[in-house]
PDB file of all heavy atoms in Angstrom:
ATOM      1  N   VAL A   1      83.365 103.759 111.929  1.00  0.00           N
ATOM      2  CA  VAL A   1      83.131 102.741 110.892  1.00  0.00           C
ATOM      3  C   VAL A   1      83.286 101.371 111.622  1.00  0.00           C
ATOM      4  O   VAL A   1      84.205 101.008 112.233  1.00  0.00           O
ATOM      5  CB  VAL A   1      84.198 102.764 109.751  1.00  0.00           C
ATOM      6  CG1 VAL A   1      83.880 101.704 108.694  1.00  0.00           C
ATOM      7  CG2 VAL A   1      84.278 104.163 109.115  1.00  0.00           C
ATOM      8  N   VAL A   2      82.186 100.567 111.438  1.00  0.00           N
ATOM      9  CA  VAL A   2      82.181  99.238 112.018  1.00  0.00           C
ATOM     10  C   VAL A   2      82.330  98.209 110.943  1.00  0.00           C
ATOM     11  O   VAL A   2      81.459  98.098 110.096  1.00  0.00           O
ATOM     12  CB  VAL A   2      80.860  98.986 112.823  1.00  0.00           C
ATOM     13  CG1 VAL A   2      80.800  97.488 113.323  1.00  0.00           C
ATOM     14  CG2 VAL A   2      80.771  99.852 114.033  1.00  0.00           C
ATOM     15  N   CYS A   3      83.506  97.557 110.880  1.00  0.00           N
ATOM     16  CA  CYS A   3      83.728  96.502 109.886  1.00  0.00           C
ATOM     17  C   CYS A   3      83.131  95.232 110.362  1.00  0.00           C
ATOM     18  O   CYS A   3      83.260  94.796 111.513  1.00  0.00           O
ATOM     19  CB  CYS A   3      85.205  96.372 109.693  1.00  0.00           C
ATOM     20  SG  CYS A   3      86.100  97.849 109.192  1.00  0.00           S
ATOM     21  N   SER A   4      82.399  94.559 109.522  1.00  0.00           N
ATOM     22  CA  SER A   4      81.684  93.296 109.906  1.00  0.00           C
ATOM     23  C   SER A   4      82.650  92.104 110.059  1.00  0.00           C
ATOM     24  O   SER A   4      82.390  91.229 110.894  1.00  0.00           O
ATOM     25  CB  SER A   4      80.626  92.939 108.831  1.00  0.00           C
ATOM     26  OG  SER A   4      79.668  93.945 108.789  1.00  0.00           O
ATOM     27  N   GLY A   5      83.718  92.069 109.212  1.00  0.00           N
ATOM     28  CA  GLY A   5      84.649  90.900 109.271  1.00  0.00           C
ATOM     29  C   GLY A   5      83.888  89.671 108.678  1.00  0.00           C
ATOM     30  O   GLY A   5      82.860  89.694 108.146  1.00  0.00           O
ATOM     31  N   THR A   6      84.641  88.503 108.759  1.00  0.00           N
ATOM     32  CA  THR A   6      84.186  87.265 108.299  1.00  0.00           C
ATOM     33  C   THR A   6      84.318  86.248 109.404  1.00  0.00           C
ATOM     34  O   THR A   6      85.462  85.898 109.829  1.00  0.00           O
ATOM     35  CB  THR A   6      84.898  86.715 107.024  1.00  0.00           C
ATOM     36  OG1 THR A   6      84.702  87.751 106.001  1.00  0.00           O
ATOM     37  CG2 THR A   6      84.373  85.423 106.567  1.00  0.00           C
ATOM     38  N   ASP A   7      83.178  85.729 109.872  1.00  0.00           N
ATOM     39  CA  ASP A   7      83.254  84.729 110.957  1.00  0.00           C
ATOM     40  C   ASP A   7      84.124  85.170 112.141  1.00  0.00           C
ATOM     41  O   ASP A   7      84.987  84.423 112.696  1.00  0.00           O
ATOM     42  CB  ASP A   7      83.727  83.393 110.421  1.00  0.00           C
ATOM     43  CG  ASP A   7      82.834  82.824 109.376  1.00  0.00           C
ATOM     44  OD1 ASP A   7      81.664  82.984 109.489  1.00  0.00           O
ATOM     45  OD2 ASP A   7      83.344  82.150 108.364  1.00  0.00           O
ATOM     46  N   ARG A   8      83.986  86.431 112.470  1.00  0.00           N
ATOM     47  CA  ARG A   8      84.636  87.057 113.635  1.00  0.00           C
ATOM     48  C   ARG A   8      86.134  87.174 113.469  1.00  0.00           C
ATOM     49  O   ARG A   8      86.911  87.173 114.441  1.00  0.00           O
ATOM     50  CB  ARG A   8      84.310  86.269 114.907  1.00  0.00           C
ATOM     51  CG  ARG A   8      82.848  86.290 115.316  1.00  0.00           C
ATOM     52  CD  ARG A   8      82.557  85.692 116.670  1.00  0.00           C
ATOM     53  NE  ARG A   8      81.125  85.837 117.029  1.00  0.00           N
ATOM     54  CZ  ARG A   8      80.655  85.381 118.173  1.00  0.00           C
ATOM     55  NH1 ARG A   8      81.427  84.840 119.014  1.00  0.00           N
ATOM     56  NH2 ARG A   8      79.361  85.505 118.435  1.00  0.00           N
ATOM     57  N   VAL A   9      86.546  87.285 112.206  1.00  0.00           N
ATOM     58  CA  VAL A   9      87.919  87.506 111.885  1.00  0.00           C
ATOM     59  C   VAL A   9      88.008  88.809 111.018  1.00  0.00           C
ATOM     60  O   VAL A   9      87.170  89.010 110.158  1.00  0.00           O
ATOM     61  CB  VAL A   9      88.545  86.264 111.146  1.00  0.00           C
ATOM     62  CG1 VAL A   9      90.007  86.609 110.703  1.00  0.00           C
ATOM     63  CG2 VAL A   9      88.486  85.044 112.001  1.00  0.00           C
ATOM     64  N   ILE A  10      88.978  89.641 111.280  1.00  0.00           N
ATOM     65  CA  ILE A  10      89.203  90.868 110.523  1.00  0.00           C
ATOM     66  C   ILE A  10      89.408  90.528 109.022  1.00  0.00           C
ATOM     67  O   ILE A  10      90.177  89.600 108.738  1.00  0.00           O
ATOM     68  CB  ILE A  10      90.421  91.655 111.037  1.00  0.00           C
ATOM     69  CG1 ILE A  10      90.118  92.084 112.461  1.00  0.00           C
ATOM     70  CG2 ILE A  10      90.655  92.941 110.176  1.00  0.00           C
ATOM     71  CD1 ILE A  10      91.372  92.692 113.208  1.00  0.00           C
ATOM     72  N   THR A  11      88.742  91.285 108.179  1.00  0.00           N
ATOM     73  CA  THR A  11      88.862  91.075 106.703  1.00  0.00           C
ATOM     74  C   THR A  11      89.437  92.349 106.063  1.00  0.00           C
ATOM     75  O   THR A  11      89.006  93.453 106.373  1.00  0.00           O
ATOM     76  CB  THR A  11      87.551  90.709 106.090  1.00  0.00           C
ATOM     77  OG1 THR A  11      86.567  91.645 106.450  1.00  0.00           O
ATOM     78  CG2 THR A  11      87.097  89.364 106.475  1.00  0.00           C
ATOM     79  N   SER A  12      90.381  92.112 105.112  1.00  0.00           N
ATOM     80  CA  SER A  12      91.055  93.235 104.509  1.00  0.00           C
ATOM     81  C   SER A  12      90.082  94.167 103.716  1.00  0.00           C
ATOM     82  O   SER A  12      90.163  95.355 103.740  1.00  0.00           O
ATOM     83  CB  SER A  12      92.074  92.728 103.492  1.00  0.00           C
ATOM     84  OG  SER A  12      92.871  93.783 102.940  1.00  0.00           O
ATOM     85  N   GLU A  13      89.165  93.524 103.038  1.00  0.00           N
ATOM     86  CA  GLU A  13      88.168  94.360 102.228  1.00  0.00           C
ATOM     87  C   GLU A  13      87.418  95.454 103.047  1.00  0.00           C
ATOM     88  O   GLU A  13      87.195  96.559 102.598  1.00  0.00           O
ATOM     89  CB  GLU A  13      87.288  93.504 101.327  1.00  0.00           C
ATOM     90  CG  GLU A  13      86.193  92.734 102.072  1.00  0.00           C
ATOM     91  CD  GLU A  13      86.662  91.386 102.594  1.00  0.00           C
ATOM     92  OE1 GLU A  13      87.811  91.118 102.451  1.00  0.00           O
ATOM     93  OE2 GLU A  13      85.838  90.661 103.075  1.00  0.00           O
ATOM     94  N   ASP A  14      86.994  95.042 104.190  1.00  0.00           N
ATOM     95  CA  ASP A  14      86.242  95.974 105.053  1.00  0.00           C
ATOM     96  C   ASP A  14      87.199  97.053 105.545  1.00  0.00           C
ATOM     97  O   ASP A  14      86.793  98.250 105.581  1.00  0.00           O
ATOM     98  CB  ASP A  14      85.550  95.231 106.198  1.00  0.00           C
ATOM     99  CG  ASP A  14      84.449  94.332 105.831  1.00  0.00           C
ATOM    100  OD1 ASP A  14      84.001  94.506 104.603  1.00  0.00           O
ATOM    101  OD2 ASP A  14      83.926  93.585 106.655  1.00  0.00           O
ATOM    102  N   VAL A  15      88.360  96.712 105.971  1.00  0.00           N
ATOM    103  CA  VAL A  15      89.357  97.723 106.422  1.00  0.00           C
ATOM    104  C   VAL A  15      89.687  98.597 105.286  1.00  0.00           C
ATOM    105  O   VAL A  15      89.949  99.786 105.543  1.00  0.00           O
ATOM    106  CB  VAL A  15      90.601  96.925 106.951  1.00  0.00           C
ATOM    107  CG1 VAL A  15      91.659  98.013 107.425  1.00  0.00           C
ATOM    108  CG2 VAL A  15      90.230  96.084 108.187  1.00  0.00           C
ATOM    109  N   LEU A  16      89.847  98.082 104.051  1.00  0.00           N
ATOM    110  CA  LEU A  16      90.104  98.971 102.924  1.00  0.00           C
ATOM    111  C   LEU A  16      89.038  99.949 102.690  1.00  0.00           C
ATOM    112  O   LEU A  16      89.271 101.081 102.332  1.00  0.00           O
ATOM    113  CB  LEU A  16      90.369  98.098 101.631  1.00  0.00           C
ATOM    114  CG  LEU A  16      91.698  97.475 101.611  1.00  0.00           C
ATOM    115  CD1 LEU A  16      91.784  96.405 100.462  1.00  0.00           C
ATOM    116  CD2 LEU A  16      92.844  98.380 101.453  1.00  0.00           C
ATOM    117  N   PHE A  17      87.741  99.589 102.811  1.00  0.00           N
ATOM    118  CA  PHE A  17      86.639 100.545 102.677  1.00  0.00           C
ATOM    119  C   PHE A  17      86.755 101.583 103.793  1.00  0.00           C
ATOM    120  O   PHE A  17      86.757 102.799 103.459  1.00  0.00           O
ATOM    121  CB  PHE A  17      85.310  99.880 102.864  1.00  0.00           C
ATOM    122  CG  PHE A  17      84.244 100.906 103.111  1.00  0.00           C
ATOM    123  CD1 PHE A  17      83.608 101.613 102.087  1.00  0.00           C
ATOM    124  CD2 PHE A  17      83.871 101.240 104.480  1.00  0.00           C
ATOM    125  CE1 PHE A  17      82.690 102.516 102.369  1.00  0.00           C
ATOM    126  CE2 PHE A  17      82.918 102.219 104.765  1.00  0.00           C
ATOM    127  CZ  PHE A  17      82.279 102.899 103.706  1.00  0.00           C
ATOM    128  N   ALA A  18      87.141 101.230 105.023  1.00  0.00           N
ATOM    129  CA  ALA A  18      87.314 102.183 106.082  1.00  0.00           C
ATOM    130  C   ALA A  18      88.425 103.205 105.735  1.00  0.00           C
ATOM    131  O   ALA A  18      88.295 104.430 105.982  1.00  0.00           O
ATOM    132  CB  ALA A  18      87.617 101.484 107.450  1.00  0.00           C
ATOM    133  N   GLY A  19      89.509 102.666 105.237  1.00  0.00           N
ATOM    134  CA  GLY A  19      90.621 103.486 104.803  1.00  0.00           C
ATOM    135  C   GLY A  19      90.296 104.403 103.704  1.00  0.00           C
ATOM    136  O   GLY A  19      90.744 105.599 103.763  1.00  0.00           O
ATOM    137  N   ALA A  20      89.607 103.888 102.730  1.00  0.00           N
ATOM    138  CA  ALA A  20      89.216 104.796 101.594  1.00  0.00           C
ATOM    139  C   ALA A  20      88.259 105.906 102.063  1.00  0.00           C
ATOM    140  O   ALA A  20      88.363 107.077 101.673  1.00  0.00           O
ATOM    141  CB  ALA A  20      88.503 103.945 100.546  1.00  0.00           C
ATOM    142  N   LEU A  21      87.385 105.634 103.040  1.00  0.00           N
ATOM    143  CA  LEU A  21      86.510 106.610 103.645  1.00  0.00           C
ATOM    144  C   LEU A  21      87.269 107.674 104.347  1.00  0.00           C
ATOM    145  O   LEU A  21      87.061 108.823 104.195  1.00  0.00           O
ATOM    146  CB  LEU A  21      85.447 105.911 104.514  1.00  0.00           C
ATOM    147  CG  LEU A  21      84.426 106.827 105.167  1.00  0.00           C
ATOM    148  CD1 LEU A  21      83.631 107.581 104.221  1.00  0.00           C
ATOM    149  CD2 LEU A  21      83.614 106.074 106.183  1.00  0.00           C
ATOM    150  N   VAL A  22      88.180 107.216 105.199  1.00  0.00           N
ATOM    151  CA  VAL A  22      89.033 108.199 105.883  1.00  0.00           C
ATOM    152  C   VAL A  22      89.737 109.129 104.901  1.00  0.00           C
ATOM    153  O   VAL A  22      89.753 110.378 105.067  1.00  0.00           O
ATOM    154  CB  VAL A  22      90.055 107.480 106.779  1.00  0.00           C
ATOM    155  CG1 VAL A  22      91.103 108.457 107.463  1.00  0.00           C
ATOM    156  CG2 VAL A  22      89.336 106.694 107.928  1.00  0.00           C
ATOM    157  N   ASP A  23      90.336 108.499 103.876  1.00  0.00           N
ATOM    158  CA  ASP A  23      91.084 109.273 102.810  1.00  0.00           C
ATOM    159  C   ASP A  23      90.141 110.332 102.188  1.00  0.00           C
ATOM    160  O   ASP A  23      90.519 111.503 101.989  1.00  0.00           O
ATOM    161  CB  ASP A  23      91.643 108.286 101.785  1.00  0.00           C
ATOM    162  CG  ASP A  23      92.534 109.017 100.837  1.00  0.00           C
ATOM    163  OD1 ASP A  23      93.379 109.897 101.272  1.00  0.00           O
ATOM    164  OD2 ASP A  23      92.481 108.745  99.634  1.00  0.00           O
ATOM    165  N   ARG A  24      88.942 109.897 101.821  1.00  0.00           N
ATOM    166  CA  ARG A  24      87.971 110.757 101.135  1.00  0.00           C
ATOM    167  C   ARG A  24      87.562 111.943 102.043  1.00  0.00           C
ATOM    168  O   ARG A  24      87.417 113.019 101.681  1.00  0.00           O
ATOM    169  CB  ARG A  24      86.743 110.018 100.646  1.00  0.00           C
ATOM    170  CG  ARG A  24      86.973 108.970  99.631  1.00  0.00           C
ATOM    171  CD  ARG A  24      87.425 109.513  98.279  1.00  0.00           C
ATOM    172  NE  ARG A  24      87.672 108.408  97.343  1.00  0.00           N
ATOM    173  CZ  ARG A  24      86.703 107.945  96.514  1.00  0.00           C
ATOM    174  NH1 ARG A  24      85.520 108.437  96.565  1.00  0.00           N
ATOM    175  NH2 ARG A  24      87.049 107.014  95.707  1.00  0.00           N
ATOM    176  N   VAL A  25      87.322 111.612 103.330  1.00  0.00           N
ATOM    177  CA  VAL A  25      86.941 112.680 104.268  1.00  0.00           C
ATOM    178  C   VAL A  25      88.065 113.703 104.419  1.00  0.00           C
ATOM    179  O   VAL A  25      87.821 114.911 104.494  1.00  0.00           O
ATOM    180  CB  VAL A  25      86.607 112.039 105.669  1.00  0.00           C
ATOM    181  CG1 VAL A  25      86.391 113.124 106.728  1.00  0.00           C
ATOM    182  CG2 VAL A  25      85.220 111.302 105.496  1.00  0.00           C
ATOM    183  N   GLU A  26      89.308 113.226 104.542  1.00  0.00           N
ATOM    184  CA  GLU A  26      90.397 114.135 104.704  1.00  0.00           C
ATOM    185  C   GLU A  26      90.543 115.035 103.464  1.00  0.00           C
ATOM    186  O   GLU A  26      90.744 116.246 103.548  1.00  0.00           O
ATOM    187  CB  GLU A  26      91.683 113.390 104.877  1.00  0.00           C
ATOM    188  CG  GLU A  26      91.856 112.696 106.276  1.00  0.00           C
ATOM    189  CD  GLU A  26      93.254 112.230 106.549  1.00  0.00           C
ATOM    190  OE1 GLU A  26      93.736 111.538 105.699  1.00  0.00           O
ATOM    191  OE2 GLU A  26      93.745 112.509 107.584  1.00  0.00           O
ATOM    192  N   ILE A  27      90.288 114.466 102.268  1.00  0.00           N
ATOM    193  CA  ILE A  27      90.334 115.249 101.024  1.00  0.00           C
ATOM    194  C   ILE A  27      89.229 116.377 101.012  1.00  0.00           C
ATOM    195  O   ILE A  27      89.426 117.470 100.660  1.00  0.00           O
ATOM    196  CB  ILE A  27      90.256 114.335  99.820  1.00  0.00           C
ATOM    197  CG1 ILE A  27      91.537 113.488  99.697  1.00  0.00           C
ATOM    198  CG2 ILE A  27      90.046 115.105  98.550  1.00  0.00           C
ATOM    199  CD1 ILE A  27      91.373 112.389  98.622  1.00  0.00           C
ATOM    200  N   LEU A  28      88.057 115.922 101.471  1.00  0.00           N
ATOM    201  CA  LEU A  28      86.860 116.849 101.518  1.00  0.00           C
ATOM    202  C   LEU A  28      87.230 118.026 102.474  1.00  0.00           C
ATOM    203  O   LEU A  28      86.840 119.168 102.205  1.00  0.00           O
ATOM    204  CB  LEU A  28      85.643 116.096 101.888  1.00  0.00           C
ATOM    205  CG  LEU A  28      85.058 115.244 100.834  1.00  0.00           C
ATOM    206  CD1 LEU A  28      83.844 114.443 101.407  1.00  0.00           C
ATOM    207  CD2 LEU A  28      84.465 116.133  99.693  1.00  0.00           C
ATOM    208  N   CYS A  29      87.768 117.665 103.661  1.00  0.00           N
ATOM    209  CA  CYS A  29      88.099 118.707 104.620  1.00  0.00           C
ATOM    210  C   CYS A  29      89.035 119.686 103.976  1.00  0.00           C
ATOM    211  O   CYS A  29      88.885 120.886 104.126  1.00  0.00           O
ATOM    212  CB  CYS A  29      88.690 118.073 105.859  1.00  0.00           C
ATOM    213  SG  CYS A  29      87.516 117.187 106.895  1.00  0.00           S
ATOM    214  N   GLU A  30      90.031 119.197 103.328  1.00  0.00           N
ATOM    215  CA  GLU A  30      91.087 120.064 102.756  1.00  0.00           C
ATOM    216  C   GLU A  30      90.533 120.954 101.648  1.00  0.00           C
ATOM    217  O   GLU A  30      90.734 122.147 101.547  1.00  0.00           O
ATOM    218  CB  GLU A  30      92.240 119.298 102.229  1.00  0.00           C
ATOM    219  CG  GLU A  30      93.319 120.113 101.611  1.00  0.00           C
ATOM    220  CD  GLU A  30      94.562 119.237 101.204  1.00  0.00           C
ATOM    221  OE1 GLU A  30      94.537 118.024 101.407  1.00  0.00           O
ATOM    222  OE2 GLU A  30      95.522 119.811 100.613  1.00  0.00           O
ATOM    223  N   SER A  31      89.722 120.329 100.755  1.00  0.00           N
ATOM    224  CA  SER A  31      89.184 121.061  99.598  1.00  0.00           C
ATOM    225  C   SER A  31      88.075 122.071 100.019  1.00  0.00           C
ATOM    226  O   SER A  31      87.915 123.083  99.324  1.00  0.00           O
ATOM    227  CB  SER A  31      88.556 120.088  98.627  1.00  0.00           C
ATOM    228  OG  SER A  31      87.458 119.326  99.105  1.00  0.00           O
ATOM    229  N   ASN A  32      87.497 121.827 101.137  1.00  0.00           N
ATOM    230  CA  ASN A  32      86.459 122.795 101.659  1.00  0.00           C
ATOM    231  C   ASN A  32      86.972 123.678 102.767  1.00  0.00           C
ATOM    232  O   ASN A  32      86.225 124.454 103.380  1.00  0.00           O
ATOM    233  CB  ASN A  32      85.232 122.000 102.139  1.00  0.00           C
ATOM    234  CG  ASN A  32      84.395 121.313 101.030  1.00  0.00           C
ATOM    235  OD1 ASN A  32      83.741 122.033 100.293  1.00  0.00           O
ATOM    236  ND2 ASN A  32      84.511 119.994 100.909  1.00  0.00           N
ATOM    237  N   GLN A  33      88.253 123.613 102.930  1.00  0.00           N
ATOM    238  CA  GLN A  33      88.906 124.443 103.999  1.00  0.00           C
ATOM    239  C   GLN A  33      88.318 124.303 105.353  1.00  0.00           C
ATOM    240  O   GLN A  33      88.068 125.261 106.096  1.00  0.00           O
ATOM    241  CB  GLN A  33      88.961 125.930 103.510  1.00  0.00           C
ATOM    242  CG  GLN A  33      89.691 126.228 102.254  1.00  0.00           C
ATOM    243  CD  GLN A  33      89.778 127.681 101.918  1.00  0.00           C
ATOM    244  OE1 GLN A  33      88.815 128.383 102.054  1.00  0.00           O
ATOM    245  NE2 GLN A  33      90.968 128.123 101.462  1.00  0.00           N
ATOM    246  N   LEU A  34      88.076 123.048 105.656  1.00  0.00           N
ATOM    247  CA  LEU A  34      87.536 122.669 106.977  1.00  0.00           C
ATOM    248  C   LEU A  34      88.619 122.310 107.933  1.00  0.00           C
ATOM    249  O   LEU A  34      89.759 121.879 107.481  1.00  0.00           O
ATOM    250  CB  LEU A  34      86.506 121.556 106.877  1.00  0.00           C
ATOM    251  CG  LEU A  34      85.328 121.893 105.958  1.00  0.00           C
ATOM    252  CD1 LEU A  34      84.419 120.606 105.794  1.00  0.00           C
ATOM    253  CD2 LEU A  34      84.448 123.067 106.403  1.00  0.00           C
ATOM    254  N   GLU A  35      88.280 122.330 109.169  1.00  0.00           N
ATOM    255  CA  GLU A  35      89.255 121.863 110.176  1.00  0.00           C
ATOM    256  C   GLU A  35      89.608 120.360 109.920  1.00  0.00           C
ATOM    257  O   GLU A  35      88.754 119.598 109.569  1.00  0.00           O
ATOM    258  CB  GLU A  35      88.621 121.911 111.656  1.00  0.00           C
ATOM    259  CG  GLU A  35      89.546 121.476 112.790  1.00  0.00           C
ATOM    260  CD  GLU A  35      90.452 122.631 113.197  1.00  0.00           C
ATOM    261  OE1 GLU A  35      90.102 123.801 113.115  1.00  0.00           O
ATOM    262  OE2 GLU A  35      91.551 122.311 113.685  1.00  0.00           O
ATOM    263  N   SER A  36      90.870 120.028 110.009  1.00  0.00           N
ATOM    264  CA  SER A  36      91.285 118.682 109.800  1.00  0.00           C
ATOM    265  C   SER A  36      90.620 117.693 110.829  1.00  0.00           C
ATOM    266  O   SER A  36      90.501 118.018 111.966  1.00  0.00           O
ATOM    267  CB  SER A  36      92.798 118.485 109.924  1.00  0.00           C
ATOM    268  OG  SER A  36      93.430 119.203 108.895  1.00  0.00           O
ATOM    269  N   ILE A  37      90.100 116.626 110.317  1.00  0.00           N
ATOM    270  CA  ILE A  37      89.383 115.680 111.179  1.00  0.00           C
ATOM    271  C   ILE A  37      90.403 114.958 112.052  1.00  0.00           C
ATOM    272  O   ILE A  37      91.529 114.722 111.656  1.00  0.00           O
ATOM    273  CB  ILE A  37      88.615 114.674 110.298  1.00  0.00           C
ATOM    274  CG1 ILE A  37      87.491 113.931 111.163  1.00  0.00           C
ATOM    275  CG2 ILE A  37      89.519 113.679 109.630  1.00  0.00           C
ATOM    276  CD1 ILE A  37      86.422 113.386 110.292  1.00  0.00           C
ATOM    277  N   ARG A  38      90.014 114.618 113.298  1.00  0.00           N
ATOM    278  CA  ARG A  38      90.920 113.905 114.175  1.00  0.00           C
ATOM    279  C   ARG A  38      90.622 112.370 114.035  1.00  0.00           C
ATOM    280  O   ARG A  38      89.532 111.925 114.069  1.00  0.00           O
ATOM    281  CB  ARG A  38      90.541 114.332 115.657  1.00  0.00           C
ATOM    282  CG  ARG A  38      91.529 113.684 116.650  1.00  0.00           C
ATOM    283  CD  ARG A  38      91.333 114.369 118.044  1.00  0.00           C
ATOM    284  NE  ARG A  38      90.114 113.932 118.639  1.00  0.00           N
ATOM    285  CZ  ARG A  38      90.003 112.796 119.386  1.00  0.00           C
ATOM    286  NH1 ARG A  38      91.051 111.943 119.548  1.00  0.00           N
ATOM    287  NH2 ARG A  38      88.854 112.447 119.907  1.00  0.00           N
ATOM    288  N   LEU A  39      91.726 111.670 113.793  1.00  0.00           N
ATOM    289  CA  LEU A  39      91.705 110.269 113.484  1.00  0.00           C
ATOM    290  C   LEU A  39      92.214 109.448 114.694  1.00  0.00           C
ATOM    291  O   LEU A  39      93.235 109.807 115.268  1.00  0.00           O
ATOM    292  CB  LEU A  39      92.571 109.904 112.302  1.00  0.00           C
ATOM    293  CG  LEU A  39      92.185 110.659 110.971  1.00  0.00           C
ATOM    294  CD1 LEU A  39      93.239 110.203 109.895  1.00  0.00           C
ATOM    295  CD2 LEU A  39      90.847 110.503 110.597  1.00  0.00           C
ATOM    296  N   THR A  40      91.511 108.375 114.965  1.00  0.00           N
ATOM    297  CA  THR A  40      92.032 107.370 115.982  1.00  0.00           C
ATOM    298  C   THR A  40      93.147 106.633 115.336  1.00  0.00           C
ATOM    299  O   THR A  40      93.344 106.640 114.097  1.00  0.00           O
ATOM    300  CB  THR A  40      90.867 106.524 116.509  1.00  0.00           C
ATOM    301  OG1 THR A  40      90.440 105.719 115.330  1.00  0.00           O
ATOM    302  CG2 THR A  40      89.728 107.349 117.113  1.00  0.00           C
ATOM    303  N   ASP A  41      93.875 105.844 116.149  1.00  0.00           N
ATOM    304  CA  ASP A  41      94.968 105.079 115.600  1.00  0.00           C
ATOM    305  C   ASP A  41      94.414 104.032 114.614  1.00  0.00           C
ATOM    306  O   ASP A  41      95.122 103.750 113.548  1.00  0.00           O
ATOM    307  CB  ASP A  41      95.693 104.354 116.788  1.00  0.00           C
ATOM    308  CG  ASP A  41      96.564 105.248 117.568  1.00  0.00           C
ATOM    309  OD1 ASP A  41      96.715 106.451 117.150  1.00  0.00           O
ATOM    310  OD2 ASP A  41      97.085 104.778 118.600  1.00  0.00           O
TER     311      ASP A  41
END
């Protein structure tokens, strides 16, 4: 996930999307009995 930021500064709303996406993917993996996804820091 590449967050665009604002004027080359990190923005919370983009990071929140990334976090929501990670959360949804983890839920999908669990509900579909898939291997847990490996997350970077």
